[in-house]
Amino acid sequence: MLQEVQHNKKVLDAQKEAILLLQTISMESIATKETYECNEFELFCAMLVRAMLSDAPCIFIVSPFTLITTLIEIQNIIDVILKLEIKKDIIMLDIQTNALHYKKESCHVLQ
């Protein structure tokens, strides 16, 4: 699972860095799990750590509530982001929720 994050790093160095980040959010146990063994929130956290370790200057979180269907509020995601002290810009788009809200409706921003 952690070998995918190694952008210009040795695999062992990338793994150590990822495990330290997972320890920060008390999720180091997922480092050795297969994808099918993780729950929705664990998968989200693994993807977030991978994104942090990439060379990309921004992290885009698209439709988090299609992945994390058991969360009622966004606070759990925000808590993880704050604990990780991410130095990148984070853009979160919940396309599914917005699609249902605006389906067959005009956007009333200017009215």
Protein backbone atom coordinates (compact mmCIF):
# COMPACT_ATOMS: atom_id res chain seq x y z
CA MET A 1 0.00 0.00 0.00
CA LEU A 2 2.71 2.51 0.90
CA GLN A 3 4.95 1.88 -2.11
CA GLU A 4 2.70 4.06 -4.26
CA VAL A 5 3.69 7.27 -2.45
CA GLN A 6 7.39 7.29 -3.12
CA HIS A 7 7.70 10.31 -5.46
CA ASN A 8 11.46 10.50 -5.97
CA LYS A 9 12.10 8.82 -2.62
CA LYS A 10 13.44 5.43 -1.71
CA VAL A 11 10.59 3.04 -0.89
CA LEU A 12 11.71 2.56 2.73
CA ASP A 13 12.00 6.33 3.27
CA ALA A 14 8.51 6.89 1.85
CA GLN A 15 7.12 4.09 3.99
CA LYS A 16 8.67 5.53 7.15
CA GLU A 17 7.29 8.98 6.37
CA ALA A 18 3.82 7.58 5.67
CA ILE A 19 3.82 5.55 8.88
CA LEU A 20 4.81 8.63 10.89
CA LEU A 21 1.89 10.52 9.36
CA LEU A 22 -0.47 7.64 10.10
CA GLN A 23 0.79 7.57 13.70
CA THR A 24 -0.05 11.27 13.97
CA ILE A 25 -3.70 10.39 13.38
CA SER A 26 -3.54 7.08 15.32
CA MET A 27 -4.05 4.98 12.18
CA GLU A 28 -0.68 3.27 11.76
CA SER A 29 -2.44 -0.10 11.83
CA ILE A 30 -3.75 0.45 8.30
CA ALA A 31 -0.22 0.59 6.85
CA THR A 32 -0.16 -3.18 6.41
CA LYS A 33 -3.82 -3.73 5.52
CA GLU A 34 -5.13 -4.55 2.08
CA THR A 35 -7.69 -2.15 0.62
CA TYR A 36 -10.59 -4.56 1.18
CA GLU A 37 -9.67 -4.79 4.89
CA CYS A 38 -10.09 -1.04 5.45
CA ASN A 39 -13.28 0.77 6.28
CA GLU A 40 -14.31 3.92 4.41
CA PHE A 41 -12.64 6.35 6.79
CA GLU A 42 -9.38 4.35 6.84
CA LEU A 43 -9.31 4.41 3.03
CA PHE A 44 -9.85 8.15 3.05
CA CYS A 45 -6.97 8.64 5.51
CA ALA A 46 -4.65 6.43 3.46
CA MET A 47 -5.44 8.42 0.32
CA LEU A 48 -4.91 11.70 2.17
CA VAL A 49 -1.48 10.58 3.42
CA ARG A 50 -0.54 9.51 -0.11
CA ALA A 51 -1.60 12.89 -1.43
CA MET A 52 0.46 14.65 1.23
CA LEU A 53 3.57 12.74 0.16
CA SER A 54 3.12 13.51 -3.53
CA ASP A 55 4.82 16.35 -5.37
CA ALA A 56 1.48 18.01 -6.14
CA PRO A 57 1.05 21.49 -4.62
CA CYS A 58 -2.69 20.97 -3.95
CA ILE A 59 -4.87 18.20 -2.63
CA PHE A 60 -8.29 17.83 -4.23
CA ILE A 61 -10.85 15.86 -2.23
CA VAL A 62 -13.71 15.16 -4.58
CA SER A 63 -17.05 13.91 -3.28
CA PRO A 64 -15.88 12.76 0.14
CA PHE A 65 -19.38 11.74 1.10
CA THR A 66 -19.60 9.16 -1.68
CA LEU A 67 -16.61 7.42 -0.09
CA ILE A 68 -17.36 8.17 3.55
CA THR A 69 -21.03 7.34 3.63
CA THR A 70 -21.20 6.86 7.40
CA LEU A 71 -20.12 10.37 8.34
CA ILE A 72 -22.85 12.80 9.19
CA GLU A 73 -20.61 15.83 9.22
CA ILE A 74 -17.34 16.95 7.74
CA GLN A 75 -15.70 17.53 11.13
CA ASN A 76 -13.95 14.12 11.21
CA ILE A 77 -12.19 14.93 7.94
CA ILE A 78 -11.23 18.40 9.15
CA ASP A 79 -9.86 16.97 12.41
CA VAL A 80 -7.57 14.62 10.46
CA ILE A 81 -6.39 17.44 8.18
CA LEU A 82 -5.62 19.65 11.20
CA LYS A 83 -3.71 16.88 13.00
CA LEU A 84 -1.59 16.22 9.90
CA GLU A 85 -0.71 19.93 9.61
CA ILE A 86 -0.87 19.75 5.83
CA LYS A 87 1.14 22.53 4.17
CA LYS A 88 -0.64 22.19 0.81
CA ASP A 89 -3.77 23.90 -0.42
CA ILE A 90 -6.77 21.62 0.08
CA ILE A 91 -9.82 21.92 -2.13
CA MET A 92 -12.86 19.86 -1.21
CA LEU A 93 -15.70 19.37 -3.69
CA ASP A 94 -18.81 17.44 -2.78
CA ILE A 95 -20.22 17.04 -6.27
CA GLN A 96 -22.91 14.51 -5.38
CA THR A 97 -24.50 16.57 -2.63
CA ASN A 98 -24.42 19.71 -4.75
CA ALA A 99 -25.84 17.87 -7.76
CA LEU A 100 -28.85 16.75 -5.73
CA HIS A 101 -29.31 20.25 -4.31
CA TYR A 102 -29.23 22.02 -7.68
CA LYS A 103 -30.68 19.34 -9.93
CA LYS A 104 -33.13 20.94 -12.37
CA GLU A 105 -32.80 24.23 -10.50
CA SER A 106 -31.13 27.46 -11.44
CA CYS A 107 -28.39 28.70 -9.18
CA HIS A 108 -29.91 31.43 -7.01
CA VAL A 109 -26.64 33.06 -6.00
CA LEU A 110 -27.51 36.41 -7.60
CA GLN A 111 -31.19 36.57 -6.69
